[in-house]
Amino acid sequence: MDATLKQAIADELQVDPSVLTRDAVLIEIENWSSVTALSIMVLLSDALPEPVSPETMVRLKIFGDIEDLLVKGASN
């Protein structure tokens, strides 16, 4: 994952980027909310060739899911 994007997600969640490990459960991150999820959806959409749908966002359970989405989207 691009370090700048990871930092932007960490900033949105108001956490240190080191908290964002592959196995970090998103809803367990202290500042995770529906508002931050929407903001992160926009960040991801900007980083990918196509926008991230709300249905896709709901399926993202751990930070590794976000990383996998970015790898998959970058290869399309």
PDB file of N, CA and C in Angstrom:
ATOM      1  N   MET A   1       0.849  -1.173   0.000  1.00  0.00           N
ATOM      2  CA  MET A   1       0.000   0.000   0.000  1.00  0.00           C
ATOM      3  C   MET A   1       0.887   1.225   0.000  1.00  0.00           C
ATOM      4  N   ASP A   2       0.483   2.200  -0.763  1.00  0.00           N
ATOM      5  CA  ASP A   2       1.176   3.474  -0.832  1.00  0.00           C
ATOM      6  C   ASP A   2       1.195   4.120   0.560  1.00  0.00           C
ATOM      7  N   ALA A   3       2.370   4.540   1.001  1.00  0.00           N
ATOM      8  CA  ALA A   3       2.525   5.118   2.339  1.00  0.00           C
ATOM      9  C   ALA A   3       1.699   6.396   2.507  1.00  0.00           C
ATOM     10  N   THR A   4       1.561   7.161   1.444  1.00  0.00           N
ATOM     11  CA  THR A   4       0.784   8.405   1.519  1.00  0.00           C
ATOM     12  C   THR A   4      -0.688   8.097   1.763  1.00  0.00           C
ATOM     13  N   LEU A   5      -1.212   7.091   1.078  1.00  0.00           N
ATOM     14  CA  LEU A   5      -2.616   6.710   1.269  1.00  0.00           C
ATOM     15  C   LEU A   5      -2.827   6.134   2.666  1.00  0.00           C
ATOM     16  N   LYS A   6      -1.898   5.301   3.116  1.00  0.00           N
ATOM     17  CA  LYS A   6      -2.016   4.744   4.466  1.00  0.00           C
ATOM     18  C   LYS A   6      -2.004   5.860   5.499  1.00  0.00           C
ATOM     19  N   GLN A   7      -1.148   6.858   5.299  1.00  0.00           N
ATOM     20  CA  GLN A   7      -1.100   7.993   6.222  1.00  0.00           C
ATOM     21  C   GLN A   7      -2.414   8.766   6.174  1.00  0.00           C
ATOM     22  N   ALA A   8      -2.980   8.944   4.989  1.00  0.00           N
ATOM     23  CA  ALA A   8      -4.257   9.668   4.858  1.00  0.00           C
ATOM     24  C   ALA A   8      -5.379   8.933   5.590  1.00  0.00           C
ATOM     25  N   ILE A   9      -5.387   7.604   5.484  1.00  0.00           N
ATOM     26  CA  ILE A   9      -6.401   6.819   6.206  1.00  0.00           C
ATOM     27  C   ILE A   9      -6.172   6.932   7.708  1.00  0.00           C
ATOM     28  N   ALA A  10      -4.922   6.841   8.132  1.00  0.00           N
ATOM     29  CA  ALA A  10      -4.596   6.988   9.552  1.00  0.00           C
ATOM     30  C   ALA A  10      -5.005   8.369  10.055  1.00  0.00           C
ATOM     31  N   ASP A  11      -4.754   9.389   9.267  1.00  0.00           N
ATOM     32  CA  ASP A  11      -5.146  10.748   9.651  1.00  0.00           C
ATOM     33  C   ASP A  11      -6.656  10.853   9.802  1.00  0.00           C
ATOM     34  N   GLU A  12      -7.375  10.251   8.878  1.00  0.00           N
ATOM     35  CA  GLU A  12      -8.838  10.288   8.932  1.00  0.00           C
ATOM     36  C   GLU A  12      -9.352   9.616  10.206  1.00  0.00           C
ATOM     37  N   LEU A  13      -8.678   8.524  10.595  1.00  0.00           N
ATOM     38  CA  LEU A  13      -9.068   7.788  11.796  1.00  0.00           C
ATOM     39  C   LEU A  13      -8.426   8.339  13.062  1.00  0.00           C
ATOM     40  N   GLN A  14      -7.542   9.303  12.900  1.00  0.00           N
ATOM     41  CA  GLN A  14      -6.817   9.914  14.009  1.00  0.00           C
ATOM     42  C   GLN A  14      -6.058   8.864  14.820  1.00  0.00           C
ATOM     43  N   VAL A  15      -5.326   8.002  14.080  1.00  0.00           N
ATOM     44  CA  VAL A  15      -4.486   6.980  14.704  1.00  0.00           C
ATOM     45  C   VAL A  15      -3.110   7.001  14.050  1.00  0.00           C
ATOM     46  N   ASP A  16      -2.152   6.395  14.720  1.00  0.00           N
ATOM     47  CA  ASP A  16      -0.831   6.225  14.148  1.00  0.00           C
ATOM     48  C   ASP A  16      -0.925   5.164  13.052  1.00  0.00           C
ATOM     49  N   PRO A  17      -0.238   5.345  11.933  1.00  0.00           N
ATOM     50  CA  PRO A  17      -0.301   4.345  10.860  1.00  0.00           C
ATOM     51  C   PRO A  17       0.083   2.933  11.308  1.00  0.00           C
ATOM     52  N   SER A  18       0.878   2.818  12.367  1.00  0.00           N
ATOM     53  CA  SER A  18       1.281   1.493  12.854  1.00  0.00           C
ATOM     54  C   SER A  18       0.092   0.689  13.375  1.00  0.00           C
ATOM     55  N   VAL A  19      -1.010   1.364  13.693  1.00  0.00           N
ATOM     56  CA  VAL A  19      -2.230   0.680  14.138  1.00  0.00           C
ATOM     57  C   VAL A  19      -2.862  -0.084  12.974  1.00  0.00           C
ATOM     58  N   LEU A  20      -2.607   0.374  11.755  1.00  0.00           N
ATOM     59  CA  LEU A  20      -3.242  -0.186  10.569  1.00  0.00           C
ATOM     60  C   LEU A  20      -2.464  -1.388  10.040  1.00  0.00           C
ATOM     61  N   THR A  21      -2.520  -2.464  10.799  1.00  0.00           N
ATOM     62  CA  THR A  21      -1.902  -3.727  10.384  1.00  0.00           C
ATOM     63  C   THR A  21      -2.918  -4.521   9.561  1.00  0.00           C
ATOM     64  N   ARG A  22      -2.453  -5.519   8.843  1.00  0.00           N
ATOM     65  CA  ARG A  22      -3.356  -6.320   8.002  1.00  0.00           C
ATOM     66  C   ARG A  22      -4.516  -6.916   8.790  1.00  0.00           C
ATOM     67  N   ASP A  23      -4.265  -7.283  10.038  1.00  0.00           N
ATOM     68  CA  ASP A  23      -5.315  -7.941  10.817  1.00  0.00           C
ATOM     69  C   ASP A  23      -6.108  -6.994  11.716  1.00  0.00           C
ATOM     70  N   ALA A  24      -5.896  -5.694  11.589  1.00  0.00           N
ATOM     71  CA  ALA A  24      -6.652  -4.720  12.392  1.00  0.00           C
ATOM     72  C   ALA A  24      -8.119  -4.739  11.965  1.00  0.00           C
ATOM     73  N   VAL A  25      -9.004  -5.007  12.922  1.00  0.00           N
ATOM     74  CA  VAL A  25     -10.444  -5.043  12.658  1.00  0.00           C
ATOM     75  C   VAL A  25     -10.941  -3.601  12.610  1.00  0.00           C
ATOM     76  N   LEU A  26     -11.507  -3.233  11.480  1.00  0.00           N
ATOM     77  CA  LEU A  26     -11.867  -1.829  11.261  1.00  0.00           C
ATOM     78  C   LEU A  26     -12.841  -1.296  12.313  1.00  0.00           C
ATOM     79  N   ILE A  27     -13.891  -2.031  12.614  1.00  0.00           N
ATOM     80  CA  ILE A  27     -14.878  -1.504  13.563  1.00  0.00           C
ATOM     81  C   ILE A  27     -14.337  -1.432  14.992  1.00  0.00           C
ATOM     82  N   GLU A  28     -13.190  -2.064  15.236  1.00  0.00           N
ATOM     83  CA  GLU A  28     -12.578  -2.006  16.557  1.00  0.00           C
ATOM     84  C   GLU A  28     -11.597  -0.849  16.696  1.00  0.00           C
ATOM     85  N   ILE A  29     -11.308  -0.159  15.597  1.00  0.00           N
ATOM     86  CA  ILE A  29     -10.446   1.017  15.673  1.00  0.00           C
ATOM     87  C   ILE A  29     -11.255   2.120  16.353  1.00  0.00           C
ATOM     88  N   GLU A  30     -10.676   2.719  17.357  1.00  0.00           N
ATOM     89  CA  GLU A  30     -11.390   3.637  18.243  1.00  0.00           C
ATOM     90  C   GLU A  30     -12.231   4.690  17.512  1.00  0.00           C
ATOM     91  N   ASN A  31     -11.700   5.278  16.482  1.00  0.00           N
ATOM     92  CA  ASN A  31     -12.409   6.375  15.820  1.00  0.00           C
ATOM     93  C   ASN A  31     -13.177   5.943  14.570  1.00  0.00           C
ATOM     94  N   TRP A  32     -13.343   4.636  14.369  1.00  0.00           N
ATOM     95  CA  TRP A  32     -14.107   4.166  13.218  1.00  0.00           C
ATOM     96  C   TRP A  32     -15.578   4.515  13.417  1.00  0.00           C
ATOM     97  N   SER A  33     -16.178   5.101  12.412  1.00  0.00           N
ATOM     98  CA  SER A  33     -17.603   5.429  12.447  1.00  0.00           C
ATOM     99  C   SER A  33     -18.122   5.429  11.019  1.00  0.00           C
ATOM    100  N   SER A  34     -19.401   5.625  10.869  1.00  0.00           N
ATOM    101  CA  SER A  34     -19.962   5.681   9.516  1.00  0.00           C
ATOM    102  C   SER A  34     -19.410   6.885   8.756  1.00  0.00           C
ATOM    103  N   VAL A  35     -19.130   7.948   9.453  1.00  0.00           N
ATOM    104  CA  VAL A  35     -18.585   9.153   8.812  1.00  0.00           C
ATOM    105  C   VAL A  35     -17.157   8.904   8.336  1.00  0.00           C
ATOM    106  N   THR A  36     -16.320   8.286   9.185  1.00  0.00           N
ATOM    107  CA  THR A  36     -14.954   8.013   8.749  1.00  0.00           C
ATOM    108  C   THR A  36     -14.948   6.958   7.649  1.00  0.00           C
ATOM    109  N   ALA A  37     -15.882   6.005   7.719  1.00  0.00           N
ATOM    110  CA  ALA A  37     -15.973   5.003   6.657  1.00  0.00           C
ATOM    111  C   ALA A  37     -16.267   5.670   5.314  1.00  0.00           C
ATOM    112  N   LEU A  38     -17.149   6.653   5.303  1.00  0.00           N
ATOM    113  CA  LEU A  38     -17.449   7.387   4.063  1.00  0.00           C
ATOM    114  C   LEU A  38     -16.227   8.158   3.570  1.00  0.00           C
ATOM    115  N   SER A  39     -15.520   8.780   4.484  1.00  0.00           N
ATOM    116  CA  SER A  39     -14.314   9.518   4.106  1.00  0.00           C
ATOM    117  C   SER A  39     -13.255   8.584   3.528  1.00  0.00           C
ATOM    118  N   ILE A  40     -13.114   7.418   4.127  1.00  0.00           N
ATOM    119  CA  ILE A  40     -12.147   6.442   3.633  1.00  0.00           C
ATOM    120  C   ILE A  40     -12.606   5.889   2.283  1.00  0.00           C
ATOM    121  N   MET A  41     -13.904   5.722   2.115  1.00  0.00           N
ATOM    122  CA  MET A  41     -14.440   5.277   0.827  1.00  0.00           C
ATOM    123  C   MET A  41     -14.046   6.265  -0.275  1.00  0.00           C
ATOM    124  N   VAL A  42     -14.094   7.548   0.015  1.00  0.00           N
ATOM    125  CA  VAL A  42     -13.691   8.575  -0.955  1.00  0.00           C
ATOM    126  C   VAL A  42     -12.189   8.481  -1.230  1.00  0.00           C
ATOM    127  N   LEU A  43     -11.382   8.320  -0.182  1.00  0.00           N
ATOM    128  CA  LEU A  43      -9.932   8.179  -0.370  1.00  0.00           C
ATOM    129  C   LEU A  43      -9.615   6.978  -1.255  1.00  0.00           C
ATOM    130  N   LEU A  44     -10.280   5.862  -0.992  1.00  0.00           N
ATOM    131  CA  LEU A  44     -10.044   4.657  -1.788  1.00  0.00           C
ATOM    132  C   LEU A  44     -10.517   4.853  -3.223  1.00  0.00           C
ATOM    133  N   SER A  45     -11.647   5.488  -3.388  1.00  0.00           N
ATOM    134  CA  SER A  45     -12.177   5.741  -4.732  1.00  0.00           C
ATOM    135  C   SER A  45     -11.224   6.601  -5.541  1.00  0.00           C
ATOM    136  N   ASP A  46     -10.606   7.576  -4.884  1.00  0.00           N
ATOM    137  CA  ASP A  46      -9.638   8.435  -5.570  1.00  0.00           C
ATOM    138  C   ASP A  46      -8.385   7.668  -5.972  1.00  0.00           C
ATOM    139  N   ALA A  47      -8.060   6.608  -5.226  1.00  0.00           N
ATOM    140  CA  ALA A  47      -6.844   5.837  -5.492  1.00  0.00           C
ATOM    141  C   ALA A  47      -7.064   4.708  -6.499  1.00  0.00           C
ATOM    142  N   LEU A  48      -8.308   4.425  -6.807  1.00  0.00           N
ATOM    143  CA  LEU A  48      -8.637   3.311  -7.701  1.00  0.00           C
ATOM    144  C   LEU A  48      -9.215   3.811  -9.013  1.00  0.00           C
ATOM    145  N   PRO A  49      -9.184   2.962 -10.045  1.00  0.00           N
ATOM    146  CA  PRO A  49      -9.718   3.373 -11.344  1.00  0.00           C
ATOM    147  C   PRO A  49     -11.239   3.578 -11.335  1.00  0.00           C
ATOM    148  N   GLU A  50     -11.937   2.900 -10.413  1.00  0.00           N
ATOM    149  CA  GLU A  50     -13.391   3.030 -10.322  1.00  0.00           C
ATOM    150  C   GLU A  50     -13.776   3.351  -8.886  1.00  0.00           C
ATOM    151  N   PRO A  51     -14.895   4.043  -8.688  1.00  0.00           N
ATOM    152  CA  PRO A  51     -15.340   4.351  -7.318  1.00  0.00           C
ATOM    153  C   PRO A  51     -15.637   3.080  -6.522  1.00  0.00           C
ATOM    154  N   VAL A  52     -15.436   3.167  -5.232  1.00  0.00           N
ATOM    155  CA  VAL A  52     -15.759   2.074  -4.321  1.00  0.00           C
ATOM    156  C   VAL A  52     -17.238   2.203  -3.955  1.00  0.00           C
ATOM    157  N   SER A  53     -17.976   1.139  -4.135  1.00  0.00           N
ATOM    158  CA  SER A  53     -19.411   1.169  -3.835  1.00  0.00           C
ATOM    159  C   SER A  53     -19.646   0.978  -2.341  1.00  0.00           C
ATOM    160  N   PRO A  54     -20.796   1.431  -1.855  1.00  0.00           N
ATOM    161  CA  PRO A  54     -21.134   1.169  -0.454  1.00  0.00           C
ATOM    162  C   PRO A  54     -21.157  -0.333  -0.144  1.00  0.00           C
ATOM    163  N   GLU A  55     -21.596  -1.142  -1.103  1.00  0.00           N
ATOM    164  CA  GLU A  55     -21.627  -2.588  -0.905  1.00  0.00           C
ATOM    165  C   GLU A  55     -20.224  -3.143  -0.689  1.00  0.00           C
ATOM    166  N   THR A  56     -19.263  -2.613  -1.423  1.00  0.00           N
ATOM    167  CA  THR A  56     -17.871  -3.040  -1.257  1.00  0.00           C
ATOM    168  C   THR A  56     -17.354  -2.609   0.109  1.00  0.00           C
ATOM    169  N   MET A  57     -17.658  -1.398   0.512  1.00  0.00           N
ATOM    170  CA  MET A  57     -17.193  -0.896   1.812  1.00  0.00           C
ATOM    171  C   MET A  57     -17.696  -1.768   2.951  1.00  0.00           C
ATOM    172  N   VAL A  58     -18.924  -2.219   2.865  1.00  0.00           N
ATOM    173  CA  VAL A  58     -19.506  -3.048   3.924  1.00  0.00           C
ATOM    174  C   VAL A  58     -18.751  -4.370   4.056  1.00  0.00           C
ATOM    175  N   ARG A  59     -18.201  -4.851   2.962  1.00  0.00           N
ATOM    176  CA  ARG A  59     -17.466  -6.128   2.990  1.00  0.00           C
ATOM    177  C   ARG A  59     -16.052  -5.988   3.552  1.00  0.00           C
ATOM    178  N   LEU A  60     -15.566  -4.775   3.719  1.00  0.00           N
ATOM    179  CA  LEU A  60     -14.218  -4.570   4.251  1.00  0.00           C
ATOM    180  C   LEU A  60     -14.265  -4.685   5.770  1.00  0.00           C
ATOM    181  N   LYS A  61     -13.708  -5.749   6.294  1.00  0.00           N
ATOM    182  CA  LYS A  61     -13.775  -6.020   7.738  1.00  0.00           C
ATOM    183  C   LYS A  61     -12.460  -5.735   8.462  1.00  0.00           C
ATOM    184  N   ILE A  62     -11.349  -6.029   7.781  1.00  0.00           N
ATOM    185  CA  ILE A  62     -10.031  -5.796   8.370  1.00  0.00           C
ATOM    186  C   ILE A  62      -9.229  -4.903   7.428  1.00  0.00           C
ATOM    187  N   PHE A  63      -8.171  -4.307   7.953  1.00  0.00           N
ATOM    188  CA  PHE A  63      -7.378  -3.410   7.122  1.00  0.00           C
ATOM    189  C   PHE A  63      -6.776  -4.148   5.934  1.00  0.00           C
ATOM    190  N   GLY A  64      -6.484  -5.420   6.114  1.00  0.00           N
ATOM    191  CA  GLY A  64      -5.964  -6.233   5.006  1.00  0.00           C
ATOM    192  C   GLY A  64      -6.940  -6.284   3.838  1.00  0.00           C
ATOM    193  N   ASP A  65      -8.246  -6.212   4.123  1.00  0.00           N
ATOM    194  CA  ASP A  65      -9.241  -6.177   3.043  1.00  0.00           C
ATOM    195  C   ASP A  65      -9.076  -4.912   2.203  1.00  0.00           C
ATOM    196  N   ILE A  66      -8.749  -3.811   2.857  1.00  0.00           N
ATOM    197  CA  ILE A  66      -8.507  -2.553   2.134  1.00  0.00           C
ATOM    198  C   ILE A  66      -7.266  -2.700   1.257  1.00  0.00           C
ATOM    199  N   GLU A  67      -6.206  -3.269   1.832  1.00  0.00           N
ATOM    200  CA  GLU A  67      -4.978  -3.475   1.058  1.00  0.00           C
ATOM    201  C   GLU A  67      -5.234  -4.375  -0.143  1.00  0.00           C
ATOM    202  N   ASP A  68      -5.993  -5.449   0.071  1.00  0.00           N
ATOM    203  CA  ASP A  68      -6.305  -6.368  -1.031  1.00  0.00           C
ATOM    204  C   ASP A  68      -7.125  -5.679  -2.107  1.00  0.00           C
ATOM    205  N   LEU A  69      -8.077  -4.853  -1.702  1.00  0.00           N
ATOM    206  CA  LEU A  69      -8.896  -4.109  -2.665  1.00  0.00           C
ATOM    207  C   LEU A  69      -8.017  -3.209  -3.523  1.00  0.00           C
ATOM    208  N   LEU A  70      -7.051  -2.560  -2.917  1.00  0.00           N
ATOM    209  CA  LEU A  70      -6.157  -1.679  -3.661  1.00  0.00           C
ATOM    210  C   LEU A  70      -5.282  -2.460  -4.636  1.00  0.00           C
ATOM    211  N   VAL A  71      -4.796  -3.626  -4.211  1.00  0.00           N
ATOM    212  CA  VAL A  71      -3.976  -4.445  -5.106  1.00  0.00           C
ATOM    213  C   VAL A  71      -4.822  -4.940  -6.266  1.00  0.00           C
ATOM    214  N   LYS A  72      -6.015  -5.428  -5.966  1.00  0.00           N
ATOM    215  CA  LYS A  72      -6.916  -5.932  -7.012  1.00  0.00           C
ATOM    216  C   LYS A  72      -7.308  -4.801  -7.962  1.00  0.00           C
ATOM    217  N   GLY A  73      -7.638  -3.644  -7.422  1.00  0.00           N
ATOM    218  CA  GLY A  73      -8.051  -2.513  -8.251  1.00  0.00           C
ATOM    219  C   GLY A  73      -6.919  -1.978  -9.113  1.00  0.00           C
ATOM    220  N   ALA A  74      -5.710  -2.033  -8.592  1.00  0.00           N
ATOM    221  CA  ALA A  74      -4.557  -1.539  -9.351  1.00  0.00           C
ATOM    222  C   ALA A  74      -4.212  -2.473 -10.494  1.00  0.00           C
ATOM    223  N   SER A  75      -4.599  -3.741 -10.364  1.00  0.00           N
ATOM    224  CA  SER A  75      -4.252  -4.697 -11.414  1.00  0.00           C
ATOM    225  C   SER A  75      -5.296  -4.743 -12.528  1.00  0.00           C
ATOM    226  N   ASN A  76      -6.412  -4.067 -12.333  1.00  0.00           N
ATOM    227  CA  ASN A  76      -7.467  -4.040 -13.371  1.00  0.00           C
ATOM    228  C   ASN A  76      -7.128  -3.074 -14.480  1.00  0.00           C
TER     229      ASN A  76
END
